[in-house]
Amino acid sequence: MDLSQNKQNAIAFCKMAYEGDPIQAVKLYVGNEYIQHNPMVANGPQAFIDYFERMQKEYPVKTITFVRAVAEDDLVALHTHQLWPDNDEYVTMDFFRFSDDGKIVEHWDSIQQIPKTALNTNTMY
């Protein structure tokens, strides 16, 4: 496994889907199966495409910043900062499992809205 390449591919996959081209993201980076653990998205590549196409239609203006990427064995973890309309901010953590041939075959995530106030001055990312 090429951990550096897997990190690059996970970032490219997320960025491409998030910015509105989930079909190409799946074509380039997803394997024959795609197991989804986010309860808002069904299993399979087409469910992923459908979800991100809907997000693009409903929220065409949004940004994602990749704060860090960590790879170990067949897993890549991404820590991101997302800015949605009306300055709605989220911190996310996505985990991807890669097949032996370097394709994404499984996904987990955790999403938390960044509150407007905090009891410390630390960022969530």
C-alpha atoms as a PDB file:
ATOM      1  CA  MET A   1       0.000   0.000   0.000  1.00  0.00           C
ATOM      2  CA  ASP A   2       1.230   3.441  -0.910  1.00  0.00           C
ATOM      3  CA  LEU A   3       0.094   5.493   2.110  1.00  0.00           C
ATOM      4  CA  SER A   4       1.123   8.808   0.573  1.00  0.00           C
ATOM      5  CA  GLN A   5      -0.824   8.073  -2.619  1.00  0.00           C
ATOM      6  CA  ASN A   6      -3.856   6.935  -0.621  1.00  0.00           C
ATOM      7  CA  LYS A   7      -3.837  10.256   1.266  1.00  0.00           C
ATOM      8  CA  GLN A   8      -3.616  12.210  -1.971  1.00  0.00           C
ATOM      9  CA  ASN A   9      -6.432  10.139  -3.488  1.00  0.00           C
ATOM     10  CA  ALA A  10      -8.709  10.569  -0.454  1.00  0.00           C
ATOM     11  CA  ILE A  11      -8.235  14.352  -0.605  1.00  0.00           C
ATOM     12  CA  ALA A  12      -8.796  14.473  -4.371  1.00  0.00           C
ATOM     13  CA  PHE A  13     -11.902  12.274  -4.039  1.00  0.00           C
ATOM     14  CA  CYS A  14     -13.459  14.464  -1.343  1.00  0.00           C
ATOM     15  CA  LYS A  15     -12.574  17.727  -3.047  1.00  0.00           C
ATOM     16  CA  MET A  16     -13.917  16.619  -6.407  1.00  0.00           C
ATOM     17  CA  ALA A  17     -17.206  15.365  -4.964  1.00  0.00           C
ATOM     18  CA  TYR A  18     -17.640  18.349  -2.642  1.00  0.00           C
ATOM     19  CA  GLU A  19     -17.019  20.825  -5.455  1.00  0.00           C
ATOM     20  CA  GLY A  20     -19.660  19.252  -7.685  1.00  0.00           C
ATOM     21  CA  ASP A  21     -18.254  16.340  -9.701  1.00  0.00           C
ATOM     22  CA  PRO A  22     -19.071  13.169  -7.740  1.00  0.00           C
ATOM     23  CA  ILE A  23     -19.393  11.085 -10.926  1.00  0.00           C
ATOM     24  CA  GLN A  24     -15.755  11.703 -11.837  1.00  0.00           C
ATOM     25  CA  ALA A  25     -14.692  11.235  -8.203  1.00  0.00           C
ATOM     26  CA  VAL A  26     -16.295   7.784  -8.132  1.00  0.00           C
ATOM     27  CA  LYS A  27     -14.898   6.895 -11.560  1.00  0.00           C
ATOM     28  CA  LEU A  28     -11.341   7.757 -10.517  1.00  0.00           C
ATOM     29  CA  TYR A  29     -11.171   6.727  -6.866  1.00  0.00           C
ATOM     30  CA  VAL A  30     -13.871   4.199  -5.857  1.00  0.00           C
ATOM     31  CA  GLY A  31     -13.571   0.428  -6.094  1.00  0.00           C
ATOM     32  CA  ASN A  32     -16.184  -2.142  -7.069  1.00  0.00           C
ATOM     33  CA  GLU A  33     -17.927  -1.787  -3.729  1.00  0.00           C
ATOM     34  CA  TYR A  34     -18.553   1.264  -1.572  1.00  0.00           C
ATOM     35  CA  ILE A  35     -19.680   0.579   1.983  1.00  0.00           C
ATOM     36  CA  GLN A  36     -21.156   3.677   3.599  1.00  0.00           C
ATOM     37  CA  HIS A  37     -21.448   4.243   7.365  1.00  0.00           C
ATOM     38  CA  ASN A  38     -23.007   7.714   7.209  1.00  0.00           C
ATOM     39  CA  PRO A  39     -26.682   7.023   8.025  1.00  0.00           C
ATOM     40  CA  MET A  40     -27.805   9.755   5.603  1.00  0.00           C
ATOM     41  CA  VAL A  41     -26.318   7.995   2.550  1.00  0.00           C
ATOM     42  CA  ALA A  42     -27.049   4.489   1.246  1.00  0.00           C
ATOM     43  CA  ASN A  43     -24.373   1.965   0.263  1.00  0.00           C
ATOM     44  CA  GLY A  44     -22.896   1.979  -3.201  1.00  0.00           C
ATOM     45  CA  PRO A  45     -21.320   4.447  -5.596  1.00  0.00           C
ATOM     46  CA  GLN A  46     -24.623   5.663  -7.061  1.00  0.00           C
ATOM     47  CA  ALA A  47     -25.981   6.652  -3.629  1.00  0.00           C
ATOM     48  CA  PHE A  48     -22.796   8.662  -3.052  1.00  0.00           C
ATOM     49  CA  ILE A  49     -23.214  10.390  -6.426  1.00  0.00           C
ATOM     50  CA  ASP A  50     -26.896  11.127  -5.758  1.00  0.00           C
ATOM     51  CA  TYR A  51     -26.115  12.646  -2.345  1.00  0.00           C
ATOM     52  CA  PHE A  52     -23.376  14.960  -3.622  1.00  0.00           C
ATOM     53  CA  GLU A  53     -25.330  15.998  -6.715  1.00  0.00           C
ATOM     54  CA  ARG A  54     -28.183  17.017  -4.408  1.00  0.00           C
ATOM     55  CA  MET A  55     -25.782  18.934  -2.143  1.00  0.00           C
ATOM     56  CA  GLN A  56     -24.373  20.757  -5.176  1.00  0.00           C
ATOM     57  CA  LYS A  57     -27.859  21.784  -6.348  1.00  0.00           C
ATOM     58  CA  GLU A  58     -28.988  22.897  -2.895  1.00  0.00           C
ATOM     59  CA  TYR A  59     -25.674  24.490  -1.833  1.00  0.00           C
ATOM     60  CA  PRO A  60     -23.590  25.433  -4.888  1.00  0.00           C
ATOM     61  CA  VAL A  61     -21.366  27.847  -2.932  1.00  0.00           C
ATOM     62  CA  LYS A  62     -19.343  26.177  -0.203  1.00  0.00           C
ATOM     63  CA  THR A  63     -15.675  25.593   0.608  1.00  0.00           C
ATOM     64  CA  ILE A  64     -13.652  22.790   2.111  1.00  0.00           C
ATOM     65  CA  THR A  65     -10.171  23.072   3.589  1.00  0.00           C
ATOM     66  CA  PHE A  66      -8.134  19.965   4.314  1.00  0.00           C
ATOM     67  CA  VAL A  67      -6.454  20.536   7.657  1.00  0.00           C
ATOM     68  CA  ARG A  68      -4.686  17.201   8.013  1.00  0.00           C
ATOM     69  CA  ALA A  69      -4.519  13.717   6.543  1.00  0.00           C
ATOM     70  CA  VAL A  70      -3.269  10.635   8.357  1.00  0.00           C
ATOM     71  CA  ALA A  71      -2.708   7.204   6.807  1.00  0.00           C
ATOM     72  CA  GLU A  72      -2.128   3.848   8.456  1.00  0.00           C
ATOM     73  CA  ASP A  73      -2.449   0.370   6.966  1.00  0.00           C
ATOM     74  CA  ASP A  74      -5.462   0.513   4.605  1.00  0.00           C
ATOM     75  CA  LEU A  75      -7.055   3.594   6.240  1.00  0.00           C
ATOM     76  CA  VAL A  76      -6.882   7.326   5.572  1.00  0.00           C
ATOM     77  CA  ALA A  77      -8.330   9.900   7.978  1.00  0.00           C
ATOM     78  CA  LEU A  78      -9.098  13.435   6.818  1.00  0.00           C
ATOM     79  CA  HIS A  79      -9.776  16.384   9.126  1.00  0.00           C
ATOM     80  CA  THR A  80     -11.536  19.222   7.321  1.00  0.00           C
ATOM     81  CA  HIS A  81     -13.040  22.642   7.846  1.00  0.00           C
ATOM     82  CA  GLN A  82     -16.160  23.336   5.787  1.00  0.00           C
ATOM     83  CA  LEU A  83     -17.837  26.686   5.210  1.00  0.00           C
ATOM     84  CA  TRP A  84     -21.437  26.584   3.966  1.00  0.00           C
ATOM     85  CA  PRO A  85     -23.845  29.427   3.081  1.00  0.00           C
ATOM     86  CA  ASP A  86     -24.629  31.966   5.808  1.00  0.00           C
ATOM     87  CA  ASN A  87     -21.198  31.324   7.412  1.00  0.00           C
ATOM     88  CA  ASP A  88     -22.390  27.942   8.623  1.00  0.00           C
ATOM     89  CA  GLU A  89     -19.165  26.136   9.611  1.00  0.00           C
ATOM     90  CA  TYR A  90     -18.455  22.468  10.239  1.00  0.00           C
ATOM     91  CA  VAL A  91     -15.486  20.420  11.270  1.00  0.00           C
ATOM     92  CA  THR A  92     -15.473  16.924   9.799  1.00  0.00           C
ATOM     93  CA  MET A  93     -13.471  13.785  10.160  1.00  0.00           C
ATOM     94  CA  ASP A  94     -13.705  11.256   7.360  1.00  0.00           C
ATOM     95  CA  PHE A  95     -12.184   7.799   7.391  1.00  0.00           C
ATOM     96  CA  PHE A  96     -11.672   5.798   4.205  1.00  0.00           C
ATOM     97  CA  ARG A  97     -10.667   2.167   3.783  1.00  0.00           C
ATOM     98  CA  PHE A  98      -8.684   1.406   0.640  1.00  0.00           C
ATOM     99  CA  SER A  99      -8.525  -1.860  -1.272  1.00  0.00           C
ATOM    100  CA  ASP A 100      -5.192  -3.438  -2.157  1.00  0.00           C
ATOM    101  CA  ASP A 101      -5.385  -1.785  -5.581  1.00  0.00           C
ATOM    102  CA  GLY A 102      -5.675   1.708  -4.050  1.00  0.00           C
ATOM    103  CA  LYS A 103      -9.422   2.264  -4.455  1.00  0.00           C
ATOM    104  CA  ILE A 104     -11.793   3.588  -1.778  1.00  0.00           C
ATOM    105  CA  VAL A 105     -14.187   0.842  -0.653  1.00  0.00           C
ATOM    106  CA  GLU A 106     -15.525   2.022   2.721  1.00  0.00           C
ATOM    107  CA  HIS A 107     -16.309   5.336   4.445  1.00  0.00           C
ATOM    108  CA  TRP A 108     -17.075   6.586   7.960  1.00  0.00           C
ATOM    109  CA  ASP A 109     -17.497  10.197   9.031  1.00  0.00           C
ATOM    110  CA  SER A 110     -18.206  12.462  11.938  1.00  0.00           C
ATOM    111  CA  ILE A 111     -19.560  15.969  11.421  1.00  0.00           C
ATOM    112  CA  GLN A 112     -19.893  18.705  14.028  1.00  0.00           C
ATOM    113  CA  GLN A 113     -21.160  22.225  13.572  1.00  0.00           C
ATOM    114  CA  ILE A 114     -18.726  24.833  14.836  1.00  0.00           C
ATOM    115  CA  PRO A 115     -20.494  26.912  17.489  1.00  0.00           C
ATOM    116  CA  LYS A 116     -20.524  30.706  17.294  1.00  0.00           C
ATOM    117  CA  THR A 117     -19.003  30.954  20.796  1.00  0.00           C
ATOM    118  CA  ALA A 118     -16.619  28.753  22.782  1.00  0.00           C
ATOM    119  CA  LEU A 119     -15.198  28.603  26.269  1.00  0.00           C
ATOM    120  CA  ASN A 120     -11.641  28.636  24.841  1.00  0.00           C
ATOM    121  CA  THR A 121      -9.844  30.253  21.931  1.00  0.00           C
ATOM    122  CA  ASN A 122      -8.751  26.973  20.297  1.00  0.00           C
ATOM    123  CA  THR A 123     -10.097  26.050  16.881  1.00  0.00           C
ATOM    124  CA  MET A 124     -11.833  22.720  16.342  1.00  0.00           C
ATOM    125  CA  TYR A 125      -9.382  21.967  13.582  1.00  0.00           C
END
